[in-house]
Amino acid sequence: MLTDTRPDLPGDWTCDFNTGVGQWSLGGLWLDRQGARLAVRVAERHCNAFGVMHGGAMATFADAQALAVRSYSGEESDHTPTVSLSVDYLGGARFGTWLVADVTLLRTTRALIFTQALITADGKPVARSSAIYRNFQGKDAQ
């Protein structure tokens, strides 16, 4: 499976988070916590009829950007539900390419986490997104 291959990208990548099962699952997400980045390799299940990543799959990937700036123990208390997500589509990501989100933590409050990301495929911008997440425990993001 393409998503199980380690990214050939600079950074310290670990695949320690799985987005779940089912048709819209991204599978394993690769994280470079030092660089506040996450990556996934575009698989066939992510693509539309034109062989590029479907917008819904891209939005699912963008919605995971909190993972790059938060540490997770897997406990329910670490859950950060999405309050708002905005995605601007700039281009397409073809089957087999690495999709990389460079995430910026904008602000953390006791109740909310604000982030933005520039998403690239083969180094070319394909989307930008901004997100707000609920911060139940009032923990600071990193």
C-alpha atoms as a PDB file:
ATOM      1  CA  MET A   1       0.000   0.000   0.000  1.00  0.00           C
ATOM      2  CA  LEU A   2       1.436   3.359  -1.008  1.00  0.00           C
ATOM      3  CA  THR A   3       0.632   5.140   2.268  1.00  0.00           C
ATOM      4  CA  ASP A   4       2.829   2.717   4.215  1.00  0.00           C
ATOM      5  CA  THR A   5       6.054   3.783   2.490  1.00  0.00           C
ATOM      6  CA  ARG A   6       8.300   6.207   4.369  1.00  0.00           C
ATOM      7  CA  PRO A   7       8.399   9.644   2.708  1.00  0.00           C
ATOM      8  CA  ASP A   8      11.552  10.382   0.744  1.00  0.00           C
ATOM      9  CA  LEU A   9      11.532  13.877   2.212  1.00  0.00           C
ATOM     10  CA  PRO A  10      13.846  15.705   4.607  1.00  0.00           C
ATOM     11  CA  GLY A  11      12.751  15.425   8.224  1.00  0.00           C
ATOM     12  CA  ASP A  12      12.151  12.923  11.003  1.00  0.00           C
ATOM     13  CA  TRP A  13       9.001  11.153   9.770  1.00  0.00           C
ATOM     14  CA  THR A  14       7.002   8.671  11.855  1.00  0.00           C
ATOM     15  CA  CYS A  15       3.761   6.948  10.924  1.00  0.00           C
ATOM     16  CA  ASP A  16       2.098   6.795  14.312  1.00  0.00           C
ATOM     17  CA  PHE A  17      -1.444   7.849  13.486  1.00  0.00           C
ATOM     18  CA  ASN A  18      -4.077   6.048  11.423  1.00  0.00           C
ATOM     19  CA  THR A  19      -7.133   7.972  10.268  1.00  0.00           C
ATOM     20  CA  GLY A  20      -9.365   4.923  10.583  1.00  0.00           C
ATOM     21  CA  VAL A  21     -11.049   2.547   8.240  1.00  0.00           C
ATOM     22  CA  GLY A  22     -13.520   2.863   5.406  1.00  0.00           C
ATOM     23  CA  GLN A  23     -13.688   4.347   1.963  1.00  0.00           C
ATOM     24  CA  TRP A  24     -12.635   7.886   2.964  1.00  0.00           C
ATOM     25  CA  SER A  25      -9.829   6.845   5.283  1.00  0.00           C
ATOM     26  CA  LEU A  26      -6.486   8.400   4.437  1.00  0.00           C
ATOM     27  CA  GLY A  27      -4.766   5.466   6.126  1.00  0.00           C
ATOM     28  CA  GLY A  28      -1.513   6.097   7.938  1.00  0.00           C
ATOM     29  CA  LEU A  29      -0.428   9.710   8.258  1.00  0.00           C
ATOM     30  CA  TRP A  30       3.283  10.490   8.435  1.00  0.00           C
ATOM     31  CA  LEU A  31       4.253  13.148  10.963  1.00  0.00           C
ATOM     32  CA  ASP A  32       7.370  15.298  11.239  1.00  0.00           C
ATOM     33  CA  ARG A  33       6.624  16.942  14.583  1.00  0.00           C
ATOM     34  CA  GLN A  34       9.899  18.898  14.633  1.00  0.00           C
ATOM     35  CA  GLY A  35       8.964  20.535  11.347  1.00  0.00           C
ATOM     36  CA  ALA A  36       5.214  20.741  12.126  1.00  0.00           C
ATOM     37  CA  ARG A  37       4.424  18.797   8.957  1.00  0.00           C
ATOM     38  CA  LEU A  38       2.267  15.867   8.001  1.00  0.00           C
ATOM     39  CA  ALA A  39       2.258  13.814   4.826  1.00  0.00           C
ATOM     40  CA  VAL A  40       0.309  11.143   3.015  1.00  0.00           C
ATOM     41  CA  ARG A  41       0.986   9.467  -0.293  1.00  0.00           C
ATOM     42  CA  VAL A  42      -1.941   9.857  -2.700  1.00  0.00           C
ATOM     43  CA  ALA A  43      -3.433   6.387  -3.200  1.00  0.00           C
ATOM     44  CA  GLU A  44      -5.978   5.197  -5.727  1.00  0.00           C
ATOM     45  CA  ARG A  45      -8.765   5.316  -3.118  1.00  0.00           C
ATOM     46  CA  HIS A  46      -8.101   9.067  -2.670  1.00  0.00           C
ATOM     47  CA  CYS A  47      -8.512   9.865  -6.373  1.00  0.00           C
ATOM     48  CA  ASN A  48     -11.424  10.963  -8.523  1.00  0.00           C
ATOM     49  CA  ALA A  49     -12.137   9.801 -12.084  1.00  0.00           C
ATOM     50  CA  PHE A  50      -9.384  12.101 -13.403  1.00  0.00           C
ATOM     51  CA  GLY A  51      -6.612  10.470 -11.352  1.00  0.00           C
ATOM     52  CA  VAL A  52      -6.151  13.383  -8.945  1.00  0.00           C
ATOM     53  CA  MET A  53      -6.967  13.549  -5.270  1.00  0.00           C
ATOM     54  CA  HIS A  54     -10.656  14.161  -4.669  1.00  0.00           C
ATOM     55  CA  GLY A  55     -11.475  17.459  -2.949  1.00  0.00           C
ATOM     56  CA  GLY A  56     -13.139  15.615  -0.084  1.00  0.00           C
ATOM     57  CA  ALA A  57     -10.007  13.555   0.518  1.00  0.00           C
ATOM     58  CA  MET A  58      -7.918  16.742   0.393  1.00  0.00           C
ATOM     59  CA  ALA A  59     -10.219  18.347   2.976  1.00  0.00           C
ATOM     60  CA  THR A  60      -9.935  15.236   5.171  1.00  0.00           C
ATOM     61  CA  PHE A  61      -6.148  15.559   5.003  1.00  0.00           C
ATOM     62  CA  ALA A  62      -6.340  19.304   5.773  1.00  0.00           C
ATOM     63  CA  ASP A  63      -8.538  18.551   8.787  1.00  0.00           C
ATOM     64  CA  ALA A  64      -5.693  16.533  10.340  1.00  0.00           C
ATOM     65  CA  GLN A  65      -3.368  19.552  10.603  1.00  0.00           C
ATOM     66  CA  ALA A  66      -3.755  19.764  14.389  1.00  0.00           C
ATOM     67  CA  LEU A  67      -1.770  16.518  14.615  1.00  0.00           C
ATOM     68  CA  ALA A  68       1.358  18.362  13.477  1.00  0.00           C
ATOM     69  CA  VAL A  69       1.229  20.857  16.347  1.00  0.00           C
ATOM     70  CA  ARG A  70      -0.288  18.785  19.183  1.00  0.00           C
ATOM     71  CA  SER A  71       0.994  15.722  20.984  1.00  0.00           C
ATOM     72  CA  TYR A  72      -1.519  12.914  21.346  1.00  0.00           C
ATOM     73  CA  SER A  73      -1.523  10.099  23.880  1.00  0.00           C
ATOM     74  CA  GLY A  74      -4.530   8.391  22.310  1.00  0.00           C
ATOM     75  CA  GLU A  75      -6.635   9.268  25.355  1.00  0.00           C
ATOM     76  CA  GLU A  76     -10.137  10.643  24.883  1.00  0.00           C
ATOM     77  CA  SER A  77      -9.063  13.830  26.682  1.00  0.00           C
ATOM     78  CA  ASP A  78      -6.717  14.617  23.761  1.00  0.00           C
ATOM     79  CA  HIS A  79      -9.619  14.776  21.290  1.00  0.00           C
ATOM     80  CA  THR A  80      -9.764  18.134  19.480  1.00  0.00           C
ATOM     81  CA  PRO A  81     -12.956  18.321  17.420  1.00  0.00           C
ATOM     82  CA  THR A  82     -13.010  20.684  14.465  1.00  0.00           C
ATOM     83  CA  VAL A  83     -14.899  23.933  15.004  1.00  0.00           C
ATOM     84  CA  SER A  84     -14.152  25.407  11.582  1.00  0.00           C
ATOM     85  CA  LEU A  85     -12.228  24.300   8.494  1.00  0.00           C
ATOM     86  CA  SER A  86     -11.619  26.274   5.323  1.00  0.00           C
ATOM     87  CA  VAL A  87      -9.818  24.859   2.286  1.00  0.00           C
ATOM     88  CA  ASP A  88      -8.797  26.783  -0.832  1.00  0.00           C
ATOM     89  CA  TYR A  89      -7.946  24.450  -3.719  1.00  0.00           C
ATOM     90  CA  LEU A  90      -5.019  25.652  -5.828  1.00  0.00           C
ATOM     91  CA  GLY A  91      -4.190  22.578  -7.931  1.00  0.00           C
ATOM     92  CA  GLY A  92      -4.342  18.814  -8.145  1.00  0.00           C
ATOM     93  CA  ALA A  93      -2.335  16.063  -6.459  1.00  0.00           C
ATOM     94  CA  ARG A  94      -1.851  13.060  -8.736  1.00  0.00           C
ATOM     95  CA  PHE A  95      -1.852   9.403  -7.728  1.00  0.00           C
ATOM     96  CA  GLY A  96       1.474   8.372  -6.162  1.00  0.00           C
ATOM     97  CA  THR A  97       2.665  11.860  -5.174  1.00  0.00           C
ATOM     98  CA  TRP A  98       3.448  12.873  -1.612  1.00  0.00           C
ATOM     99  CA  LEU A  99       1.030  15.406  -0.181  1.00  0.00           C
ATOM    100  CA  VAL A 100       2.705  17.500   2.524  1.00  0.00           C
ATOM    101  CA  ALA A 101       1.085  20.019   4.864  1.00  0.00           C
ATOM    102  CA  ASP A 102       3.359  22.635   6.436  1.00  0.00           C
ATOM    103  CA  VAL A 103       1.364  23.639   9.494  1.00  0.00           C
ATOM    104  CA  THR A 104       1.605  26.886  11.426  1.00  0.00           C
ATOM    105  CA  LEU A 105       0.181  27.218  14.914  1.00  0.00           C
ATOM    106  CA  LEU A 106      -1.374  30.676  15.037  1.00  0.00           C
ATOM    107  CA  ARG A 107      -2.764  30.778  18.563  1.00  0.00           C
ATOM    108  CA  THR A 108      -3.860  28.589  21.452  1.00  0.00           C
ATOM    109  CA  THR A 109      -6.409  29.595  24.061  1.00  0.00           C
ATOM    110  CA  ARG A 110      -7.943  27.603  26.904  1.00  0.00           C
ATOM    111  CA  ALA A 111     -10.829  26.703  24.581  1.00  0.00           C
ATOM    112  CA  LEU A 112      -9.496  26.859  21.001  1.00  0.00           C
ATOM    113  CA  ILE A 113      -6.508  26.055  18.780  1.00  0.00           C
ATOM    114  CA  PHE A 114      -5.993  28.099  15.581  1.00  0.00           C
ATOM    115  CA  THR A 115      -3.865  26.708  12.732  1.00  0.00           C
ATOM    116  CA  GLN A 116      -3.155  27.229   9.061  1.00  0.00           C
ATOM    117  CA  ALA A 117      -1.414  25.037   6.498  1.00  0.00           C
ATOM    118  CA  LEU A 118       0.071  25.225   3.045  1.00  0.00           C
ATOM    119  CA  ILE A 119      -0.378  21.876   1.298  1.00  0.00           C
ATOM    120  CA  THR A 120       1.981  20.888  -1.497  1.00  0.00           C
ATOM    121  CA  ALA A 121       2.325  17.969  -3.917  1.00  0.00           C
ATOM    122  CA  ASP A 122       5.807  17.449  -5.342  1.00  0.00           C
ATOM    123  CA  GLY A 123       6.719  20.866  -3.911  1.00  0.00           C
ATOM    124  CA  LYS A 124       3.906  22.721  -5.731  1.00  0.00           C
ATOM    125  CA  PRO A 125       1.065  24.354  -3.767  1.00  0.00           C
ATOM    126  CA  VAL A 126      -2.222  22.484  -4.202  1.00  0.00           C
ATOM    127  CA  ALA A 127      -4.231  23.869  -1.257  1.00  0.00           C
ATOM    128  CA  ARG A 128      -4.149  26.171   1.700  1.00  0.00           C
ATOM    129  CA  SER A 129      -6.312  25.762   4.742  1.00  0.00           C
ATOM    130  CA  SER A 130      -7.149  27.272   8.071  1.00  0.00           C
ATOM    131  CA  ALA A 131      -8.730  25.463  10.974  1.00  0.00           C
ATOM    132  CA  ILE A 132     -10.026  26.058  14.472  1.00  0.00           C
ATOM    133  CA  TYR A 133     -10.178  23.144  16.911  1.00  0.00           C
ATOM    134  CA  ARG A 134     -11.794  22.792  20.331  1.00  0.00           C
ATOM    135  CA  ASN A 135      -9.198  22.557  23.096  1.00  0.00           C
ATOM    136  CA  PHE A 136     -11.034  20.673  25.852  1.00  0.00           C
ATOM    137  CA  GLN A 137      -8.119  20.372  28.242  1.00  0.00           C
ATOM    138  CA  GLY A 138      -6.754  23.876  27.772  1.00  0.00           C
ATOM    139  CA  LYS A 139      -3.405  22.390  26.727  1.00  0.00           C
ATOM    140  CA  ASP A 140      -0.941  24.476  24.771  1.00  0.00           C
ATOM    141  CA  ALA A 141      -0.083  23.221  21.338  1.00  0.00           C
ATOM    142  CA  GLN A 142       3.603  22.924  20.548  1.00  0.00           C
END
